[in-house]
PDB file of all heavy atoms in Angstrom:
ATOM      1  N   VAL A   1    -130.672 162.075 -53.468  1.00  0.00           N
ATOM      2  CA  VAL A   1    -129.420 161.403 -53.105  1.00  0.00           C
ATOM      3  C   VAL A   1    -128.586 161.220 -54.371  1.00  0.00           C
ATOM      4  O   VAL A   1    -129.002 160.537 -55.309  1.00  0.00           O
ATOM      5  CB  VAL A   1    -129.693 160.041 -52.444  1.00  0.00           C
ATOM      6  CG1 VAL A   1    -128.377 159.355 -52.075  1.00  0.00           C
ATOM      7  CG2 VAL A   1    -130.570 160.203 -51.209  1.00  0.00           C
ATOM      8  N   HIS A   2    -127.422 161.831 -54.399  1.00  0.00           N
ATOM      9  CA  HIS A   2    -126.536 161.749 -55.556  1.00  0.00           C
ATOM     10  C   HIS A   2    -125.640 160.525 -55.410  1.00  0.00           C
ATOM     11  O   HIS A   2    -124.836 160.438 -54.475  1.00  0.00           O
ATOM     12  CB  HIS A   2    -125.692 163.018 -55.664  1.00  0.00           C
ATOM     13  CG  HIS A   2    -126.482 164.238 -56.027  1.00  0.00           C
ATOM     14  ND1 HIS A   2    -126.418 164.849 -57.264  1.00  0.00           N
ATOM     15  CD2 HIS A   2    -127.383 164.960 -55.306  1.00  0.00           C
ATOM     16  CE1 HIS A   2    -127.227 165.897 -57.294  1.00  0.00           C
ATOM     17  NE2 HIS A   2    -127.821 165.991 -56.111  1.00  0.00           N
ATOM     18  N   ILE A   3    -125.773 159.595 -56.337  1.00  0.00           N
ATOM     19  CA  ILE A   3    -124.932 158.393 -56.319  1.00  0.00           C
ATOM     20  C   ILE A   3    -124.160 158.326 -57.632  1.00  0.00           C
ATOM     21  O   ILE A   3    -124.693 158.650 -58.700  1.00  0.00           O
ATOM     22  CB  ILE A   3    -125.761 157.113 -56.094  1.00  0.00           C
ATOM     23  CG1 ILE A   3    -126.873 156.969 -57.136  1.00  0.00           C
ATOM     24  CG2 ILE A   3    -126.350 157.085 -54.695  1.00  0.00           C
ATOM     25  CD1 ILE A   3    -127.657 155.664 -57.028  1.00  0.00           C
ATOM     26  N   PRO A   4    -122.905 157.915 -57.585  1.00  0.00           N
ATOM     27  CA  PRO A   4    -122.095 157.898 -58.807  1.00  0.00           C
ATOM     28  C   PRO A   4    -122.545 156.809 -59.782  1.00  0.00           C
ATOM     29  O   PRO A   4    -123.214 155.846 -59.389  1.00  0.00           O
ATOM     30  CB  PRO A   4    -120.690 157.622 -58.282  1.00  0.00           C
ATOM     31  CG  PRO A   4    -120.907 156.879 -56.997  1.00  0.00           C
ATOM     32  CD  PRO A   4    -122.153 157.456 -56.403  1.00  0.00           C
ATOM     33  N   ALA A   5    -122.141 156.949 -61.023  1.00  0.00           N
ATOM     34  CA  ALA A   5    -122.468 155.933 -62.030  1.00  0.00           C
ATOM     35  C   ALA A   5    -121.912 154.573 -61.632  1.00  0.00           C
ATOM     36  O   ALA A   5    -122.478 153.525 -61.973  1.00  0.00           O
ATOM     37  CB  ALA A   5    -121.925 156.360 -63.393  1.00  0.00           C
ATOM     38  N   SER A   6    -120.818 154.582 -60.872  1.00  0.00           N
ATOM     39  CA  SER A   6    -120.194 153.327 -60.432  1.00  0.00           C
ATOM     40  C   SER A   6    -121.043 152.578 -59.399  1.00  0.00           C
ATOM     41  O   SER A   6    -120.732 151.440 -59.052  1.00  0.00           O
ATOM     42  CB  SER A   6    -118.813 153.608 -59.836  1.00  0.00           C
ATOM     43  OG  SER A   6    -118.914 154.494 -58.725  1.00  0.00           O
ATOM     44  N   ALA A   7    -122.134 153.199 -58.920  1.00  0.00           N
ATOM     45  CA  ALA A   7    -123.034 152.532 -57.970  1.00  0.00           C
ATOM     46  C   ALA A   7    -123.970 151.551 -58.658  1.00  0.00           C
ATOM     47  O   ALA A   7    -124.655 150.769 -57.990  1.00  0.00           O
ATOM     48  CB  ALA A   7    -123.847 153.567 -57.200  1.00  0.00           C
ATOM     49  N   LEU A   8    -124.019 151.586 -59.985  1.00  0.00           N
ATOM     50  CA  LEU A   8    -124.879 150.676 -60.741  1.00  0.00           C
ATOM     51  C   LEU A   8    -124.405 149.236 -60.557  1.00  0.00           C
ATOM     52  O   LEU A   8    -123.225 148.929 -60.751  1.00  0.00           O
ATOM     53  CB  LEU A   8    -124.848 151.062 -62.217  1.00  0.00           C
ATOM     54  CG  LEU A   8    -125.666 150.219 -63.193  1.00  0.00           C
ATOM     55  CD1 LEU A   8    -127.155 150.390 -62.933  1.00  0.00           C
ATOM     56  CD2 LEU A   8    -125.333 150.606 -64.640  1.00  0.00           C
ATOM     57  N   ILE A   9    -125.329 148.339 -60.190  1.00  0.00           N
ATOM     58  CA  ILE A   9    -125.029 146.911 -60.074  1.00  0.00           C
ATOM     59  C   ILE A   9    -125.587 146.222 -61.316  1.00  0.00           C
ATOM     60  O   ILE A   9    -126.793 146.260 -61.573  1.00  0.00           O
ATOM     61  CB  ILE A   9    -125.644 146.305 -58.807  1.00  0.00           C
ATOM     62  CG1 ILE A   9    -125.090 146.984 -57.545  1.00  0.00           C
ATOM     63  CG2 ILE A   9    -125.381 144.797 -58.749  1.00  0.00           C
ATOM     64  CD1 ILE A   9    -125.738 146.504 -56.255  1.00  0.00           C
ATOM     65  N   GLY A  10    -124.712 145.592 -62.070  1.00  0.00           N
ATOM     66  CA  GLY A  10    -125.153 145.018 -63.339  1.00  0.00           C
ATOM     67  C   GLY A  10    -125.407 146.113 -64.352  1.00  0.00           C
ATOM     68  O   GLY A  10    -124.667 147.093 -64.432  1.00  0.00           O
ATOM     69  N   LYS A  11    -126.509 145.978 -65.099  1.00  0.00           N
ATOM     70  CA  LYS A  11    -126.861 146.965 -66.120  1.00  0.00           C
ATOM     71  C   LYS A  11    -128.229 147.567 -65.804  1.00  0.00           C
ATOM     72  O   LYS A  11    -129.010 147.003 -65.033  1.00  0.00           O
ATOM     73  CB  LYS A  11    -126.911 146.305 -67.496  1.00  0.00           C
ATOM     74  CG  LYS A  11    -125.588 145.717 -67.958  1.00  0.00           C
ATOM     75  CD  LYS A  11    -125.747 145.034 -69.307  1.00  0.00           C
ATOM     76  CE  LYS A  11    -124.437 144.414 -69.770  1.00  0.00           C
ATOM     77  NZ  LYS A  11    -124.593 143.697 -71.067  1.00  0.00           N
ATOM     78  N   GLU A  12    -128.506 148.709 -66.409  1.00  0.00           N
ATOM     79  CA  GLU A  12    -129.844 149.296 -66.293  1.00  0.00           C
ATOM     80  C   GLU A  12    -130.878 148.291 -66.814  1.00  0.00           C
ATOM     81  O   GLU A  12    -130.670 147.645 -67.836  1.00  0.00           O
ATOM     82  CB  GLU A  12    -129.938 150.600 -67.075  1.00  0.00           C
ATOM     83  CG  GLU A  12    -129.174 151.750 -66.448  1.00  0.00           C
ATOM     84  CD  GLU A  12    -129.421 153.063 -67.173  1.00  0.00           C
ATOM     85  OE1 GLU A  12    -130.272 153.095 -68.087  1.00  0.00           O
ATOM     86  OE2 GLU A  12    -128.753 154.064 -66.829  1.00  0.00           O
ATOM     87  N   GLY A  13    -131.982 148.169 -66.086  1.00  0.00           N
ATOM     88  CA  GLY A  13    -133.042 147.254 -66.487  1.00  0.00           C
ATOM     89  C   GLY A  13    -132.898 145.845 -65.953  1.00  0.00           C
ATOM     90  O   GLY A  13    -133.801 145.022 -66.144  1.00  0.00           O
ATOM     91  N   GLU A  14    -131.785 145.548 -65.277  1.00  0.00           N
ATOM     92  CA  GLU A  14    -131.577 144.199 -64.735  1.00  0.00           C
ATOM     93  C   GLU A  14    -131.945 144.087 -63.263  1.00  0.00           C
ATOM     94  O   GLU A  14    -131.753 143.041 -62.651  1.00  0.00           O
ATOM     95  CB  GLU A  14    -130.118 143.785 -64.909  1.00  0.00           C
ATOM     96  CG  GLU A  14    -129.700 143.569 -66.350  1.00  0.00           C
ATOM     97  CD  GLU A  14    -128.270 143.071 -66.487  1.00  0.00           C
ATOM     98  OE1 GLU A  14    -127.494 143.188 -65.505  1.00  0.00           O
ATOM     99  OE2 GLU A  14    -127.937 142.568 -67.574  1.00  0.00           O
ATOM    100  N   GLY A  15    -132.493 145.145 -62.688  1.00  0.00           N
ATOM    101  CA  GLY A  15    -132.757 145.157 -61.256  1.00  0.00           C
ATOM    102  C   GLY A  15    -133.726 144.091 -60.793  1.00  0.00           C
ATOM    103  O   GLY A  15    -133.518 143.449 -59.753  1.00  0.00           O
ATOM    104  N   PHE A  16    -134.800 143.889 -61.563  1.00  0.00           N
ATOM    105  CA  PHE A  16    -135.788 142.884 -61.161  1.00  0.00           C
ATOM    106  C   PHE A  16    -135.170 141.492 -61.199  1.00  0.00           C
ATOM    107  O   PHE A  16    -135.362 140.696 -60.264  1.00  0.00           O
ATOM    108  CB  PHE A  16    -137.013 142.947 -62.070  1.00  0.00           C
ATOM    109  CG  PHE A  16    -138.089 141.972 -61.698  1.00  0.00           C
ATOM    110  CD1 PHE A  16    -138.900 142.199 -60.605  1.00  0.00           C
ATOM    111  CD2 PHE A  16    -138.286 140.812 -62.441  1.00  0.00           C
ATOM    112  CE1 PHE A  16    -139.897 141.292 -60.252  1.00  0.00           C
ATOM    113  CE2 PHE A  16    -139.274 139.908 -62.099  1.00  0.00           C
ATOM    114  CZ  PHE A  16    -140.078 140.146 -61.011  1.00  0.00           C
ATOM    115  N   LYS A  17    -134.416 141.192 -62.251  1.00  0.00           N
ATOM    116  CA  LYS A  17    -133.778 139.878 -62.372  1.00  0.00           C
ATOM    117  C   LYS A  17    -132.814 139.642 -61.212  1.00  0.00           C
ATOM    118  O   LYS A  17    -132.801 138.556 -60.611  1.00  0.00           O
ATOM    119  CB  LYS A  17    -133.041 139.785 -63.707  1.00  0.00           C
ATOM    120  CG  LYS A  17    -132.316 138.468 -63.928  1.00  0.00           C
ATOM    121  CD  LYS A  17    -131.624 138.434 -65.284  1.00  0.00           C
ATOM    122  CE  LYS A  17    -130.407 139.332 -65.301  1.00  0.00           C
ATOM    123  NZ  LYS A  17    -129.626 139.198 -66.566  1.00  0.00           N
ATOM    124  N   ILE A  18    -132.018 140.648 -60.878  1.00  0.00           N
ATOM    125  CA  ILE A  18    -131.049 140.502 -59.784  1.00  0.00           C
ATOM    126  C   ILE A  18    -131.771 140.342 -58.447  1.00  0.00           C
ATOM    127  O   ILE A  18    -131.373 139.529 -57.607  1.00  0.00           O
ATOM    128  CB  ILE A  18    -130.094 141.710 -59.744  1.00  0.00           C
ATOM    129  CG1 ILE A  18    -129.258 141.781 -61.028  1.00  0.00           C
ATOM    130  CG2 ILE A  18    -129.181 141.642 -58.523  1.00  0.00           C
ATOM    131  CD1 ILE A  18    -128.477 143.072 -61.181  1.00  0.00           C
ATOM    132  N   ALA A  19    -132.848 141.109 -58.256  1.00  0.00           N
ATOM    133  CA  ALA A  19    -133.615 141.011 -57.006  1.00  0.00           C
ATOM    134  C   ALA A  19    -134.228 139.627 -56.839  1.00  0.00           C
ATOM    135  O   ALA A  19    -134.189 139.036 -55.752  1.00  0.00           O
ATOM    136  CB  ALA A  19    -134.694 142.076 -56.964  1.00  0.00           C
ATOM    137  N   MET A  20    -134.797 139.090 -57.922  1.00  0.00           N
ATOM    138  CA  MET A  20    -135.414 137.766 -57.836  1.00  0.00           C
ATOM    139  C   MET A  20    -134.363 136.679 -57.597  1.00  0.00           C
ATOM    140  O   MET A  20    -134.603 135.733 -56.844  1.00  0.00           O
ATOM    141  CB  MET A  20    -136.202 137.469 -59.114  1.00  0.00           C
ATOM    142  CG  MET A  20    -137.424 138.357 -59.314  1.00  0.00           C
ATOM    143  SD  MET A  20    -138.605 138.334 -57.929  1.00  0.00           S
ATOM    144  CE  MET A  20    -138.228 139.904 -57.111  1.00  0.00           C
ATOM    145  N   LYS A  21    -133.211 136.825 -58.223  1.00  0.00           N
ATOM    146  CA  LYS A  21    -132.133 135.858 -58.001  1.00  0.00           C
ATOM    147  C   LYS A  21    -131.652 135.927 -56.543  1.00  0.00           C
ATOM    148  O   LYS A  21    -131.352 134.902 -55.924  1.00  0.00           O
ATOM    149  CB  LYS A  21    -130.969 136.166 -58.946  1.00  0.00           C
ATOM    150  CG  LYS A  21    -129.903 135.088 -58.997  1.00  0.00           C
ATOM    151  CD  LYS A  21    -130.396 133.860 -59.731  1.00  0.00           C
ATOM    152  CE  LYS A  21    -129.280 132.843 -59.910  1.00  0.00           C
ATOM    153  NZ  LYS A  21    -129.774 131.595 -60.535  1.00  0.00           N
ATOM    154  N   THR A  22    -131.605 137.135 -56.005  1.00  0.00           N
ATOM    155  CA  THR A  22    -131.221 137.320 -54.605  1.00  0.00           C
ATOM    156  C   THR A  22    -132.185 136.587 -53.681  1.00  0.00           C
ATOM    157  O   THR A  22    -131.777 135.865 -52.761  1.00  0.00           O
ATOM    158  CB  THR A  22    -131.200 138.816 -54.261  1.00  0.00           C
ATOM    159  OG1 THR A  22    -130.192 139.470 -55.041  1.00  0.00           O
ATOM    160  CG2 THR A  22    -130.919 139.038 -52.783  1.00  0.00           C
ATOM    161  N   LEU A  23    -133.490 136.763 -53.924  1.00  0.00           N
ATOM    162  CA  LEU A  23    -134.496 136.116 -53.082  1.00  0.00           C
ATOM    163  C   LEU A  23    -134.488 134.604 -53.277  1.00  0.00           C
ATOM    164  O   LEU A  23    -134.678 133.850 -52.312  1.00  0.00           O
ATOM    165  CB  LEU A  23    -135.880 136.686 -53.393  1.00  0.00           C
ATOM    166  CG  LEU A  23    -136.069 138.163 -53.033  1.00  0.00           C
ATOM    167  CD1 LEU A  23    -137.427 138.659 -53.504  1.00  0.00           C
ATOM    168  CD2 LEU A  23    -135.917 138.381 -51.539  1.00  0.00           C
ATOM    169  N   GLU A  24    -134.266 134.152 -54.500  1.00  0.00           N
ATOM    170  CA  GLU A  24    -134.176 132.710 -54.755  1.00  0.00           C
ATOM    171  C   GLU A  24    -133.096 132.077 -53.882  1.00  0.00           C
ATOM    172  O   GLU A  24    -133.298 131.015 -53.291  1.00  0.00           O
ATOM    173  CB  GLU A  24    -133.836 132.447 -56.228  1.00  0.00           C
ATOM    174  CG  GLU A  24    -135.002 132.579 -57.187  1.00  0.00           C
ATOM    175  CD  GLU A  24    -134.548 132.443 -58.632  1.00  0.00           C
ATOM    176  OE1 GLU A  24    -133.373 132.029 -58.851  1.00  0.00           O
ATOM    177  OE2 GLU A  24    -135.333 132.753 -59.551  1.00  0.00           O
ATOM    178  N   GLN A  25    -131.943 132.724 -53.811  1.00  0.00           N
ATOM    179  CA  GLN A  25    -130.829 132.150 -53.073  1.00  0.00           C
ATOM    180  C   GLN A  25    -131.010 132.279 -51.567  1.00  0.00           C
ATOM    181  O   GLN A  25    -130.323 131.618 -50.790  1.00  0.00           O
ATOM    182  CB  GLN A  25    -129.522 132.801 -53.520  1.00  0.00           C
ATOM    183  CG  GLN A  25    -129.208 132.533 -54.985  1.00  0.00           C
ATOM    184  CD  GLN A  25    -127.731 132.531 -55.281  1.00  0.00           C
ATOM    185  OE1 GLN A  25    -126.895 132.721 -54.415  1.00  0.00           O
ATOM    186  NE2 GLN A  25    -127.392 132.310 -56.537  1.00  0.00           N
ATOM    187  N   GLY A  26    -131.936 133.132 -51.148  1.00  0.00           N
ATOM    188  CA  GLY A  26    -132.191 133.287 -49.723  1.00  0.00           C
ATOM    189  C   GLY A  26    -133.215 132.333 -49.163  1.00  0.00           C
ATOM    190  O   GLY A  26    -133.376 132.234 -47.938  1.00  0.00           O
ATOM    191  N   ARG A  27    -133.900 131.593 -50.034  1.00  0.00           N
ATOM    192  CA  ARG A  27    -135.031 130.795 -49.540  1.00  0.00           C
ATOM    193  C   ARG A  27    -134.611 129.535 -48.810  1.00  0.00           C
ATOM    194  O   ARG A  27    -135.374 129.007 -48.001  1.00  0.00           O
ATOM    195  CB  ARG A  27    -135.986 130.496 -50.696  1.00  0.00           C
ATOM    196  CG  ARG A  27    -136.799 131.736 -51.028  1.00  0.00           C
ATOM    197  CD  ARG A  27    -137.768 131.601 -52.153  1.00  0.00           C
ATOM    198  NE  ARG A  27    -138.398 132.899 -52.393  1.00  0.00           N
ATOM    199  CZ  ARG A  27    -138.570 133.444 -53.588  1.00  0.00           C
ATOM    200  NH1 ARG A  27    -138.164 132.806 -54.663  1.00  0.00           N
ATOM    201  NH2 ARG A  27    -139.142 134.617 -53.707  1.00  0.00           N
ATOM    202  N   ALA A  28    -133.412 129.038 -49.079  1.00  0.00           N
ATOM    203  CA  ALA A  28    -132.908 127.930 -48.257  1.00  0.00           C
ATOM    204  C   ALA A  28    -132.758 128.395 -46.817  1.00  0.00           C
ATOM    205  O   ALA A  28    -133.025 127.647 -45.864  1.00  0.00           O
ATOM    206  CB  ALA A  28    -131.569 127.430 -48.796  1.00  0.00           C
TER     207      ALA A  28
END
């Protein structure tokens, strides 16, 4: 699957941090 560079959310290597923050905010 070819995705453009603009598909990057945040920076490379920040995926785990963003995922955990996402789950943190979903627990309420």
